[in-house]
Amino acid sequence: MTLDVDFIKIDASIIRNLDRDKNARVIAETIVGFARRTGTRTVAEYVHSREIYDIVRSLGIDFSQGFYLGEPQVSSIMEPGRDGSAQRATQGPAPHSFPRPVPSGRDL
């Protein structure tokens, strides 16, 4: 069996409690171990504090995203016009407007 994925995102429900929930840490470690064995990079969601960021780094998670690193941004979205040929720009959150994942190994 092969996985056709570029990243495994570790859900906020696991990341947000890494500093005080032993089971969350075990789950994150297990996901990271699996990802390493399959050659898949990992992304931690909901990195909301320096403490969580430091734990994420120590676990070897490749990328981080969350309010500690930056807030969601509003951007222009191009949408097809009524006839399908024209395009118009609208303001609003982009589908992936949450801060881009940043490498977890960098010092902030």
PDB file of N, CA and C in Angstrom:
ATOM      1  N   MET A   1       0.847  -1.181   0.000  1.00  0.00           N
ATOM      2  CA  MET A   1       0.000   0.000   0.000  1.00  0.00           C
ATOM      3  C   MET A   1       0.889   1.240   0.000  1.00  0.00           C
ATOM      4  N   THR A   2       0.554   2.207  -0.829  1.00  0.00           N
ATOM      5  CA  THR A   2       1.299   3.455  -0.858  1.00  0.00           C
ATOM      6  C   THR A   2       0.360   4.620  -0.581  1.00  0.00           C
ATOM      7  N   LEU A   3       0.916   5.657   0.003  1.00  0.00           N
ATOM      8  CA  LEU A   3       0.158   6.881   0.241  1.00  0.00           C
ATOM      9  C   LEU A   3       0.523   7.893  -0.828  1.00  0.00           C
ATOM     10  N   ASP A   4      -0.455   8.481  -1.442  1.00  0.00           N
ATOM     11  CA  ASP A   4      -0.217   9.512  -2.439  1.00  0.00           C
ATOM     12  C   ASP A   4      -0.523  10.871  -1.814  1.00  0.00           C
ATOM     13  N   VAL A   5       0.278  11.242  -0.808  1.00  0.00           N
ATOM     14  CA  VAL A   5       0.084  12.510  -0.102  1.00  0.00           C
ATOM     15  C   VAL A   5       1.423  13.223   0.021  1.00  0.00           C
ATOM     16  N   ASP A   6       1.359  14.546   0.105  1.00  0.00           N
ATOM     17  CA  ASP A   6       2.563  15.338   0.291  1.00  0.00           C
ATOM     18  C   ASP A   6       2.826  15.628   1.770  1.00  0.00           C
ATOM     19  N   PHE A   7       1.746  15.777   2.540  1.00  0.00           N
ATOM     20  CA  PHE A   7       1.859  16.141   3.941  1.00  0.00           C
ATOM     21  C   PHE A   7       0.834  15.370   4.765  1.00  0.00           C
ATOM     22  N   ILE A   8       1.147  15.192   6.026  1.00  0.00           N
ATOM     23  CA  ILE A   8       0.160  14.736   7.003  1.00  0.00           C
ATOM     24  C   ILE A   8      -0.015  15.894   7.979  1.00  0.00           C
ATOM     25  N   LYS A   9      -1.238  16.407   8.061  1.00  0.00           N
ATOM     26  CA  LYS A   9      -1.524  17.493   8.995  1.00  0.00           C
ATOM     27  C   LYS A   9      -1.942  16.890  10.325  1.00  0.00           C
ATOM     28  N   ILE A  10      -1.319  17.367  11.367  1.00  0.00           N
ATOM     29  CA  ILE A  10      -1.671  16.898  12.710  1.00  0.00           C
ATOM     30  C   ILE A  10      -2.691  17.876  13.260  1.00  0.00           C
ATOM     31  N   ASP A  11      -3.868  17.371  13.545  1.00  0.00           N
ATOM     32  CA  ASP A  11      -5.036  18.175  13.896  1.00  0.00           C
ATOM     33  C   ASP A  11      -4.832  19.023  15.148  1.00  0.00           C
ATOM     34  N   ALA A  12      -5.529  20.140  15.170  1.00  0.00           N
ATOM     35  CA  ALA A  12      -5.491  21.061  16.306  1.00  0.00           C
ATOM     36  C   ALA A  12      -5.880  20.383  17.612  1.00  0.00           C
ATOM     37  N   SER A  13      -6.790  19.421  17.554  1.00  0.00           N
ATOM     38  CA  SER A  13      -7.222  18.745  18.783  1.00  0.00           C
ATOM     39  C   SER A  13      -6.075  18.004  19.454  1.00  0.00           C
ATOM     40  N   ILE A  14      -5.045  17.664  18.706  1.00  0.00           N
ATOM     41  CA  ILE A  14      -3.853  17.015  19.262  1.00  0.00           C
ATOM     42  C   ILE A  14      -2.822  18.062  19.656  1.00  0.00           C
ATOM     43  N   ILE A  15      -2.557  19.011  18.768  1.00  0.00           N
ATOM     44  CA  ILE A  15      -1.489  19.992  18.979  1.00  0.00           C
ATOM     45  C   ILE A  15      -1.782  20.938  20.144  1.00  0.00           C
ATOM     46  N   ARG A  16      -3.012  21.395  20.277  1.00  0.00           N
ATOM     47  CA  ARG A  16      -3.306  22.433  21.279  1.00  0.00           C
ATOM     48  C   ARG A  16      -3.002  22.011  22.712  1.00  0.00           C
ATOM     49  N   ASN A  17      -2.969  20.718  22.987  1.00  0.00           N
ATOM     50  CA  ASN A  17      -2.753  20.253  24.361  1.00  0.00           C
ATOM     51  C   ASN A  17      -1.428  19.528  24.565  1.00  0.00           C
ATOM     52  N   LEU A  18      -0.498  19.678  23.653  1.00  0.00           N
ATOM     53  CA  LEU A  18       0.772  18.967  23.779  1.00  0.00           C
ATOM     54  C   LEU A  18       1.504  19.277  25.081  1.00  0.00           C
ATOM     55  N   ASP A  19       1.286  20.464  25.610  1.00  0.00           N
ATOM     56  CA  ASP A  19       1.998  20.868  26.822  1.00  0.00           C
ATOM     57  C   ASP A  19       1.429  20.270  28.098  1.00  0.00           C
ATOM     58  N   ARG A  20       0.227  19.698  28.029  1.00  0.00           N
ATOM     59  CA  ARG A  20      -0.357  19.168  29.269  1.00  0.00           C
ATOM     60  C   ARG A  20      -1.078  17.831  29.129  1.00  0.00           C
ATOM     61  N   ASP A  21      -1.115  17.267  27.936  1.00  0.00           N
ATOM     62  CA  ASP A  21      -1.807  16.003  27.729  1.00  0.00           C
ATOM     63  C   ASP A  21      -0.828  14.955  27.211  1.00  0.00           C
ATOM     64  N   LYS A  22      -0.487  14.007  28.064  1.00  0.00           N
ATOM     65  CA  LYS A  22       0.471  12.957  27.716  1.00  0.00           C
ATOM     66  C   LYS A  22       0.006  12.160  26.498  1.00  0.00           C
ATOM     67  N   ASN A  23      -1.270  11.868  26.413  1.00  0.00           N
ATOM     68  CA  ASN A  23      -1.793  11.093  25.288  1.00  0.00           C
ATOM     69  C   ASN A  23      -1.677  11.856  23.968  1.00  0.00           C
ATOM     70  N   ALA A  24      -1.897  13.167  24.008  1.00  0.00           N
ATOM     71  CA  ALA A  24      -1.745  13.978  22.796  1.00  0.00           C
ATOM     72  C   ALA A  24      -0.310  13.905  22.305  1.00  0.00           C
ATOM     73  N   ARG A  25       0.623  13.946  23.222  1.00  0.00           N
ATOM     74  CA  ARG A  25       2.040  13.869  22.847  1.00  0.00           C
ATOM     75  C   ARG A  25       2.377  12.502  22.231  1.00  0.00           C
ATOM     76  N   VAL A  26       1.852  11.433  22.828  1.00  0.00           N
ATOM     77  CA  VAL A  26       2.094  10.089  22.293  1.00  0.00           C
ATOM     78  C   VAL A  26       1.510   9.966  20.886  1.00  0.00           C
ATOM     79  N   ILE A  27       0.328  10.497  20.685  1.00  0.00           N
ATOM     80  CA  ILE A  27      -0.301  10.448  19.357  1.00  0.00           C
ATOM     81  C   ILE A  27       0.535  11.228  18.342  1.00  0.00           C
ATOM     82  N   ALA A  28       0.979  12.431  18.716  1.00  0.00           N
ATOM     83  CA  ALA A  28       1.800  13.238  17.807  1.00  0.00           C
ATOM     84  C   ALA A  28       3.109  12.520  17.480  1.00  0.00           C
ATOM     85  N   GLU A  29       3.752  11.945  18.481  1.00  0.00           N
ATOM     86  CA  GLU A  29       4.998  11.201  18.252  1.00  0.00           C
ATOM     87  C   GLU A  29       4.772  10.022  17.298  1.00  0.00           C
ATOM     88  N   THR A  30       3.647   9.346  17.461  1.00  0.00           N
ATOM     89  CA  THR A  30       3.320   8.200  16.606  1.00  0.00           C
ATOM     90  C   THR A  30       3.098   8.645  15.164  1.00  0.00           C
ATOM     91  N   ILE A  31       2.386   9.743  14.983  1.00  0.00           N
ATOM     92  CA  ILE A  31       2.143  10.274  13.636  1.00  0.00           C
ATOM     93  C   ILE A  31       3.462  10.675  12.985  1.00  0.00           C
ATOM     94  N   VAL A  32       4.316  11.360  13.740  1.00  0.00           N
ATOM     95  CA  VAL A  32       5.613  11.779  13.192  1.00  0.00           C
ATOM     96  C   VAL A  32       6.453  10.557  12.815  1.00  0.00           C
ATOM     97  N   GLY A  33       6.466   9.537  13.656  1.00  0.00           N
ATOM     98  CA  GLY A  33       7.209   8.319  13.346  1.00  0.00           C
ATOM     99  C   GLY A  33       6.702   7.650  12.089  1.00  0.00           C
ATOM    100  N   PHE A  34       5.394   7.552  11.956  1.00  0.00           N
ATOM    101  CA  PHE A  34       4.791   6.967  10.753  1.00  0.00           C
ATOM    102  C   PHE A  34       5.176   7.784   9.522  1.00  0.00           C
ATOM    103  N   ALA A  35       5.069   9.101   9.639  1.00  0.00           N
ATOM    104  CA  ALA A  35       5.385   9.974   8.505  1.00  0.00           C
ATOM    105  C   ALA A  35       6.846   9.816   8.085  1.00  0.00           C
ATOM    106  N   ARG A  36       7.728   9.752   9.039  1.00  0.00           N
ATOM    107  CA  ARG A  36       9.155   9.581   8.719  1.00  0.00           C
ATOM    108  C   ARG A  36       9.392   8.261   7.980  1.00  0.00           C
ATOM    109  N   ARG A  37       8.758   7.208   8.437  1.00  0.00           N
ATOM    110  CA  ARG A  37       8.952   5.893   7.807  1.00  0.00           C
ATOM    111  C   ARG A  37       8.398   5.851   6.390  1.00  0.00           C
ATOM    112  N   THR A  38       7.406   6.688   6.101  1.00  0.00           N
ATOM    113  CA  THR A  38       6.814   6.695   4.762  1.00  0.00           C
ATOM    114  C   THR A  38       7.344   7.846   3.901  1.00  0.00           C
ATOM    115  N   GLY A  39       8.255   8.641   4.455  1.00  0.00           N
ATOM    116  CA  GLY A  39       8.823   9.750   3.685  1.00  0.00           C
ATOM    117  C   GLY A  39       7.863  10.900   3.471  1.00  0.00           C
ATOM    118  N   THR A  40       6.928  11.088   4.387  1.00  0.00           N
ATOM    119  CA  THR A  40       5.916  12.136   4.275  1.00  0.00           C
ATOM    120  C   THR A  40       6.214  13.240   5.281  1.00  0.00           C
ATOM    121  N   ARG A  41       6.085  14.480   4.850  1.00  0.00           N
ATOM    122  CA  ARG A  41       6.314  15.611   5.749  1.00  0.00           C
ATOM    123  C   ARG A  41       5.080  15.879   6.598  1.00  0.00           C
ATOM    124  N   THR A  42       5.297  16.508   7.745  1.00  0.00           N
ATOM    125  CA  THR A  42       4.212  16.752   8.695  1.00  0.00           C
ATOM    126  C   THR A  42       3.994  18.248   8.913  1.00  0.00           C
ATOM    127  N   VAL A  43       2.731  18.594   9.221  1.00  0.00           N
ATOM    128  CA  VAL A  43       2.338  19.971   9.517  1.00  0.00           C
ATOM    129  C   VAL A  43       1.539  19.956  10.815  1.00  0.00           C
ATOM    130  N   ALA A  44       1.929  20.803  11.762  1.00  0.00           N
ATOM    131  CA  ALA A  44       1.182  20.959  13.009  1.00  0.00           C
ATOM    132  C   ALA A  44       0.216  22.128  12.868  1.00  0.00           C
ATOM    133  N   GLU A  45      -1.064  21.875  13.098  1.00  0.00           N
ATOM    134  CA  GLU A  45      -2.070  22.937  13.112  1.00  0.00           C
ATOM    135  C   GLU A  45      -2.198  23.489  14.534  1.00  0.00           C
ATOM    136  N   TYR A  46      -2.679  24.719  14.645  1.00  0.00           N
ATOM    137  CA  TYR A  46      -3.033  25.328  15.939  1.00  0.00           C
ATOM    138  C   TYR A  46      -1.820  25.533  16.848  1.00  0.00           C
ATOM    139  N   VAL A  47      -0.732  25.994  16.258  1.00  0.00           N
ATOM    140  CA  VAL A  47       0.424  26.351  17.067  1.00  0.00           C
ATOM    141  C   VAL A  47       0.144  27.757  17.590  1.00  0.00           C
ATOM    142  N   HIS A  48      -0.321  27.832  18.835  1.00  0.00           N
ATOM    143  CA  HIS A  48      -0.845  29.074  19.377  1.00  0.00           C
ATOM    144  C   HIS A  48       0.052  29.746  20.416  1.00  0.00           C
ATOM    145  N   SER A  49       1.167  29.108  20.772  1.00  0.00           N
ATOM    146  CA  SER A  49       2.048  29.703  21.784  1.00  0.00           C
ATOM    147  C   SER A  49       3.487  29.267  21.558  1.00  0.00           C
ATOM    148  N   ARG A  50       4.400  29.996  22.179  1.00  0.00           N
ATOM    149  CA  ARG A  50       5.821  29.639  22.078  1.00  0.00           C
ATOM    150  C   ARG A  50       6.066  28.245  22.647  1.00  0.00           C
ATOM    151  N   GLU A  51       5.397  27.936  23.741  1.00  0.00           N
ATOM    152  CA  GLU A  51       5.582  26.626  24.369  1.00  0.00           C
ATOM    153  C   GLU A  51       5.190  25.494  23.416  1.00  0.00           C
ATOM    154  N   ILE A  52       4.043  25.638  22.774  1.00  0.00           N
ATOM    155  CA  ILE A  52       3.597  24.621  21.820  1.00  0.00           C
ATOM    156  C   ILE A  52       4.559  24.559  20.636  1.00  0.00           C
ATOM    157  N   TYR A  53       4.994  25.713  20.145  1.00  0.00           N
ATOM    158  CA  TYR A  53       5.939  25.739  19.023  1.00  0.00           C
ATOM    159  C   TYR A  53       7.223  24.991  19.380  1.00  0.00           C
ATOM    160  N   ASP A  54       7.739  25.218  20.579  1.00  0.00           N
ATOM    161  CA  ASP A  54       8.968  24.538  21.000  1.00  0.00           C
ATOM    162  C   ASP A  54       8.772  23.022  21.090  1.00  0.00           C
ATOM    163  N   ILE A  55       7.607  22.580  21.572  1.00  0.00           N
ATOM    164  CA  ILE A  55       7.321  21.142  21.646  1.00  0.00           C
ATOM    165  C   ILE A  55       7.226  20.550  20.240  1.00  0.00           C
ATOM    166  N   VAL A  56       6.537  21.261  19.351  1.00  0.00           N
ATOM    167  CA  VAL A  56       6.396  20.816  17.961  1.00  0.00           C
ATOM    168  C   VAL A  56       7.778  20.638  17.336  1.00  0.00           C
ATOM    169  N   ARG A  57       8.653  21.586  17.554  1.00  0.00           N
ATOM    170  CA  ARG A  57      10.024  21.495  17.030  1.00  0.00           C
ATOM    171  C   ARG A  57      10.743  20.283  17.614  1.00  0.00           C
ATOM    172  N   SER A  58      10.584  20.079  18.921  1.00  0.00           N
ATOM    173  CA  SER A  58      11.294  18.970  19.564  1.00  0.00           C
ATOM    174  C   SER A  58      10.793  17.612  19.086  1.00  0.00           C
ATOM    175  N   LEU A  59       9.541  17.552  18.650  1.00  0.00           N
ATOM    176  CA  LEU A  59       8.989  16.305  18.134  1.00  0.00           C
ATOM    177  C   LEU A  59       9.431  16.030  16.693  1.00  0.00           C
ATOM    178  N   GLY A  60      10.031  17.020  16.054  1.00  0.00           N
ATOM    179  CA  GLY A  60      10.494  16.835  14.682  1.00  0.00           C
ATOM    180  C   GLY A  60       9.424  17.060  13.631  1.00  0.00           C
ATOM    181  N   ILE A  61       8.348  17.763  13.987  1.00  0.00           N
ATOM    182  CA  ILE A  61       7.300  18.086  13.013  1.00  0.00           C
ATOM    183  C   ILE A  61       7.890  19.106  12.038  1.00  0.00           C
ATOM    184  N   ASP A  62       7.703  18.863  10.746  1.00  0.00           N
ATOM    185  CA  ASP A  62       8.376  19.645   9.717  1.00  0.00           C
ATOM    186  C   ASP A  62       7.905  21.086   9.589  1.00  0.00           C
ATOM    187  N   PHE A  63       6.596  21.300   9.662  1.00  0.00           N
ATOM    188  CA  PHE A  63       6.035  22.633   9.470  1.00  0.00           C
ATOM    189  C   PHE A  63       5.007  22.920  10.551  1.00  0.00           C
ATOM    190  N   SER A  64       4.797  24.220  10.796  1.00  0.00           N
ATOM    191  CA  SER A  64       3.817  24.653  11.788  1.00  0.00           C
ATOM    192  C   SER A  64       2.941  25.740  11.198  1.00  0.00           C
ATOM    193  N   GLN A  65       1.693  25.799  11.676  1.00  0.00           N
ATOM    194  CA  GLN A  65       0.826  26.915  11.344  1.00  0.00           C
ATOM    195  C   GLN A  65      -0.075  27.180  12.535  1.00  0.00           C
ATOM    196  N   GLY A  66      -0.410  28.444  12.734  1.00  0.00           N
ATOM    197  CA  GLY A  66      -1.257  28.814  13.844  1.00  0.00           C
ATOM    198  C   GLY A  66      -1.060  30.273  14.213  1.00  0.00           C
ATOM    199  N   PHE A  67      -1.850  30.751  15.146  1.00  0.00           N
ATOM    200  CA  PHE A  67      -1.843  32.164  15.508  1.00  0.00           C
ATOM    201  C   PHE A  67      -0.521  32.625  16.097  1.00  0.00           C
ATOM    202  N   TYR A  68       0.255  31.738  16.660  1.00  0.00           N
ATOM    203  CA  TYR A  68       1.563  32.144  17.161  1.00  0.00           C
ATOM    204  C   TYR A  68       2.455  32.613  16.007  1.00  0.00           C
ATOM    205  N   LEU A  69       2.236  32.054  14.841  1.00  0.00           N
ATOM    206  CA  LEU A  69       3.048  32.366  13.668  1.00  0.00           C
ATOM    207  C   LEU A  69       2.423  33.422  12.768  1.00  0.00           C
ATOM    208  N   GLY A  70       1.135  33.654  12.887  1.00  0.00           N
ATOM    209  CA  GLY A  70       0.467  34.659  12.069  1.00  0.00           C
ATOM    210  C   GLY A  70      -1.023  34.408  11.999  1.00  0.00           C
ATOM    211  N   GLU A  71      -1.770  35.492  11.792  1.00  0.00           N
ATOM    212  CA  GLU A  71      -3.226  35.393  11.715  1.00  0.00           C
ATOM    213  C   GLU A  71      -3.671  35.163  10.274  1.00  0.00           C
ATOM    214  N   PRO A  72      -4.888  34.602  10.092  1.00  0.00           N
ATOM    215  CA  PRO A  72      -5.424  34.431   8.736  1.00  0.00           C
ATOM    216  C   PRO A  72      -5.474  35.779   8.021  1.00  0.00           C
ATOM    217  N   GLN A  73      -5.306  35.763   6.716  1.00  0.00           N
ATOM    218  CA  GLN A  73      -5.276  36.978   5.920  1.00  0.00           C
ATOM    219  C   GLN A  73      -6.461  37.015   4.962  1.00  0.00           C
ATOM    220  N   VAL A  74      -6.937  38.227   4.672  1.00  0.00           N
ATOM    221  CA  VAL A  74      -7.966  38.421   3.661  1.00  0.00           C
ATOM    222  C   VAL A  74      -7.247  38.622   2.334  1.00  0.00           C
ATOM    223  N   SER A  75      -7.746  37.978   1.298  1.00  0.00           N
ATOM    224  CA  SER A  75      -7.112  38.124  -0.014  1.00  0.00           C
ATOM    225  C   SER A  75      -8.184  38.187  -1.093  1.00  0.00           C
ATOM    226  N   SER A  76      -7.778  38.603  -2.274  1.00  0.00           N
ATOM    227  CA  SER A  76      -8.701  38.633  -3.408  1.00  0.00           C
ATOM    228  C   SER A  76      -8.831  37.236  -3.980  1.00  0.00           C
ATOM    229  N   ILE A  77     -10.046  36.889  -4.364  1.00  0.00           N
ATOM    230  CA  ILE A  77     -10.316  35.587  -4.962  1.00  0.00           C
ATOM    231  C   ILE A  77     -10.860  35.831  -6.359  1.00  0.00           C
ATOM    232  N   MET A  78     -10.318  35.137  -7.331  1.00  0.00           N
ATOM    233  CA  MET A  78     -10.822  35.259  -8.695  1.00  0.00           C
ATOM    234  C   MET A  78     -11.893  34.201  -8.908  1.00  0.00           C
ATOM    235  N   GLU A  79     -13.050  34.658  -9.383  1.00  0.00           N
ATOM    236  CA  GLU A  79     -14.157  33.742  -9.641  1.00  0.00           C
ATOM    237  C   GLU A  79     -14.588  33.877 -11.095  1.00  0.00           C
ATOM    238  N   PRO A  80     -15.071  32.785 -11.699  1.00  0.00           N
ATOM    239  CA  PRO A  80     -15.555  32.881 -13.080  1.00  0.00           C
ATOM    240  C   PRO A  80     -16.781  33.783 -13.157  1.00  0.00           C
ATOM    241  N   GLY A  81     -16.887  34.536 -14.253  1.00  0.00           N
ATOM    242  CA  GLY A  81     -18.064  35.361 -14.483  1.00  0.00           C
ATOM    243  C   GLY A  81     -19.262  34.497 -14.851  1.00  0.00           C
ATOM    244  N   ARG A  82     -20.409  35.112 -15.013  1.00  0.00           N
ATOM    245  CA  ARG A  82     -21.635  34.355 -15.325  1.00  0.00           C
ATOM    246  C   ARG A  82     -21.517  33.526 -16.584  1.00  0.00           C
ATOM    247  N   ASP A  83     -20.874  34.082 -17.606  1.00  0.00           N
ATOM    248  CA  ASP A  83     -20.767  33.347 -18.868  1.00  0.00           C
ATOM    249  C   ASP A  83     -19.559  32.409 -18.895  1.00  0.00           C
ATOM    250  N   GLY A  84     -18.814  32.366 -17.814  1.00  0.00           N
ATOM    251  CA  GLY A  84     -17.678  31.459 -17.730  1.00  0.00           C
ATOM    252  C   GLY A  84     -16.401  32.024 -18.320  1.00  0.00           C
ATOM    253  N   SER A  85     -16.492  33.133 -19.078  1.00  0.00           N
ATOM    254  CA  SER A  85     -15.292  33.657 -19.723  1.00  0.00           C
ATOM    255  C   SER A  85     -14.662  34.807 -18.927  1.00  0.00           C
ATOM    256  N   ALA A  86     -15.480  35.642 -18.354  1.00  0.00           N
ATOM    257  CA  ALA A  86     -14.950  36.780 -17.597  1.00  0.00           C
ATOM    258  C   ALA A  86     -14.651  36.347 -16.164  1.00  0.00           C
ATOM    259  N   GLN A  87     -13.806  37.109 -15.514  1.00  0.00           N
ATOM    260  CA  GLN A  87     -13.520  36.833 -14.114  1.00  0.00           C
ATOM    261  C   GLN A  87     -13.704  38.111 -13.316  1.00  0.00           C
ATOM    262  N   ARG A  88     -14.076  37.946 -12.079  1.00  0.00           N
ATOM    263  CA  ARG A  88     -14.206  39.099 -11.203  1.00  0.00           C
ATOM    264  C   ARG A  88     -13.514  38.777  -9.888  1.00  0.00           C
ATOM    265  N   ALA A  89     -13.011  39.805  -9.270  1.00  0.00           N
ATOM    266  CA  ALA A  89     -12.323  39.621  -7.995  1.00  0.00           C
ATOM    267  C   ALA A  89     -13.269  39.964  -6.857  1.00  0.00           C
ATOM    268  N   THR A  90     -13.247  39.172  -5.825  1.00  0.00           N
ATOM    269  CA  THR A  90     -14.020  39.468  -4.623  1.00  0.00           C
ATOM    270  C   THR A  90     -13.070  39.455  -3.439  1.00  0.00           C
ATOM    271  N   GLN A  91     -13.431  40.163  -2.416  1.00  0.00           N
ATOM    272  CA  GLN A  91     -12.638  40.160  -1.193  1.00  0.00           C
ATOM    273  C   GLN A  91     -13.197  39.124  -0.244  1.00  0.00           C
ATOM    274  N   GLY A  92     -12.326  38.451   0.451  1.00  0.00           N
ATOM    275  CA  GLY A  92     -12.761  37.468   1.427  1.00  0.00           C
ATOM    276  C   GLY A  92     -11.640  36.509   1.723  1.00  0.00           C
ATOM    277  N   PRO A  93     -11.862  35.655   2.680  1.00  0.00           N
ATOM    278  CA  PRO A  93     -10.806  34.706   3.001  1.00  0.00           C
ATOM    279  C   PRO A  93     -10.610  33.712   1.864  1.00  0.00           C
ATOM    280  N   ALA A  94      -9.387  33.494   1.503  1.00  0.00           N
ATOM    281  CA  ALA A  94      -9.073  32.507   0.477  1.00  0.00           C
ATOM    282  C   ALA A  94      -9.278  31.117   1.059  1.00  0.00           C
ATOM    283  N   PRO A  95      -9.493  30.112   0.225  1.00  0.00           N
ATOM    284  CA  PRO A  95      -9.714  28.761   0.738  1.00  0.00           C
ATOM    285  C   PRO A  95      -8.613  28.291   1.686  1.00  0.00           C
ATOM    286  N   HIS A  96      -7.395  28.725   1.446  1.00  0.00           N
ATOM    287  CA  HIS A  96      -6.283  28.338   2.311  1.00  0.00           C
ATOM    288  C   HIS A  96      -5.641  29.601   2.871  1.00  0.00           C
ATOM    289  N   SER A  97      -6.459  30.477   3.460  1.00  0.00           N
ATOM    290  CA  SER A  97      -5.959  31.773   3.883  1.00  0.00           C
ATOM    291  C   SER A  97      -5.269  31.730   5.234  1.00  0.00           C
ATOM    292  N   PHE A  98      -5.376  30.621   5.934  1.00  0.00           N
ATOM    293  CA  PHE A  98      -4.676  30.532   7.198  1.00  0.00           C
ATOM    294  C   PHE A  98      -3.193  30.629   6.907  1.00  0.00           C
ATOM    295  N   PRO A  99      -2.419  31.133   7.836  1.00  0.00           N
ATOM    296  CA  PRO A  99      -1.001  31.313   7.527  1.00  0.00           C
ATOM    297  C   PRO A  99      -0.393  30.072   6.904  1.00  0.00           C
ATOM    298  N   ARG A 100       0.400  30.308   5.866  1.00  0.00           N
ATOM    299  CA  ARG A 100       1.113  29.180   5.258  1.00  0.00           C
ATOM    300  C   ARG A 100       1.952  28.488   6.313  1.00  0.00           C
ATOM    301  N   PRO A 101       2.051  27.184   6.228  1.00  0.00           N
ATOM    302  CA  PRO A 101       2.919  26.502   7.172  1.00  0.00           C
ATOM    303  C   PRO A 101       4.345  27.021   7.050  1.00  0.00           C
ATOM    304  N   VAL A 102       4.998  27.193   8.174  1.00  0.00           N
ATOM    305  CA  VAL A 102       6.390  27.619   8.170  1.00  0.00           C
ATOM    306  C   VAL A 102       7.238  26.470   8.711  1.00  0.00           C
ATOM    307  N   PRO A 103       8.465  26.366   8.265  1.00  0.00           N
ATOM    308  CA  PRO A 103       9.327  25.296   8.779  1.00  0.00           C
ATOM    309  C   PRO A 103       9.430  25.381  10.295  1.00  0.00           C
ATOM    310  N   SER A 104       9.214  24.264  10.977  1.00  0.00           N
ATOM    311  CA  SER A 104       9.239  24.256  12.436  1.00  0.00           C
ATOM    312  C   SER A 104      10.641  24.407  12.995  1.00  0.00           C
ATOM    313  N   GLY A 105      11.670  24.193  12.199  1.00  0.00           N
ATOM    314  CA  GLY A 105      13.028  24.243  12.702  1.00  0.00           C
ATOM    315  C   GLY A 105      13.583  25.639  12.875  1.00  0.00           C
ATOM    316  N   ARG A 106      12.843  26.664  12.455  1.00  0.00           N
ATOM    317  CA  ARG A 106      13.399  28.013  12.527  1.00  0.00           C
ATOM    318  C   ARG A 106      13.146  28.634  13.890  1.00  0.00           C
ATOM    319  N   ASP A 107      14.068  29.456  14.322  1.00  0.00           N
ATOM    320  CA  ASP A 107      13.921  30.159  15.598  1.00  0.00           C
ATOM    321  C   ASP A 107      13.089  31.405  15.387  1.00  0.00           C
ATOM    322  N   LEU A 108      12.177  31.658  16.314  1.00  0.00           N
ATOM    323  CA  LEU A 108      11.341  32.858  16.211  1.00  0.00           C
ATOM    324  C   LEU A 108      11.708  33.833  17.292  1.00  0.00           C
TER     325      LEU A 108
END
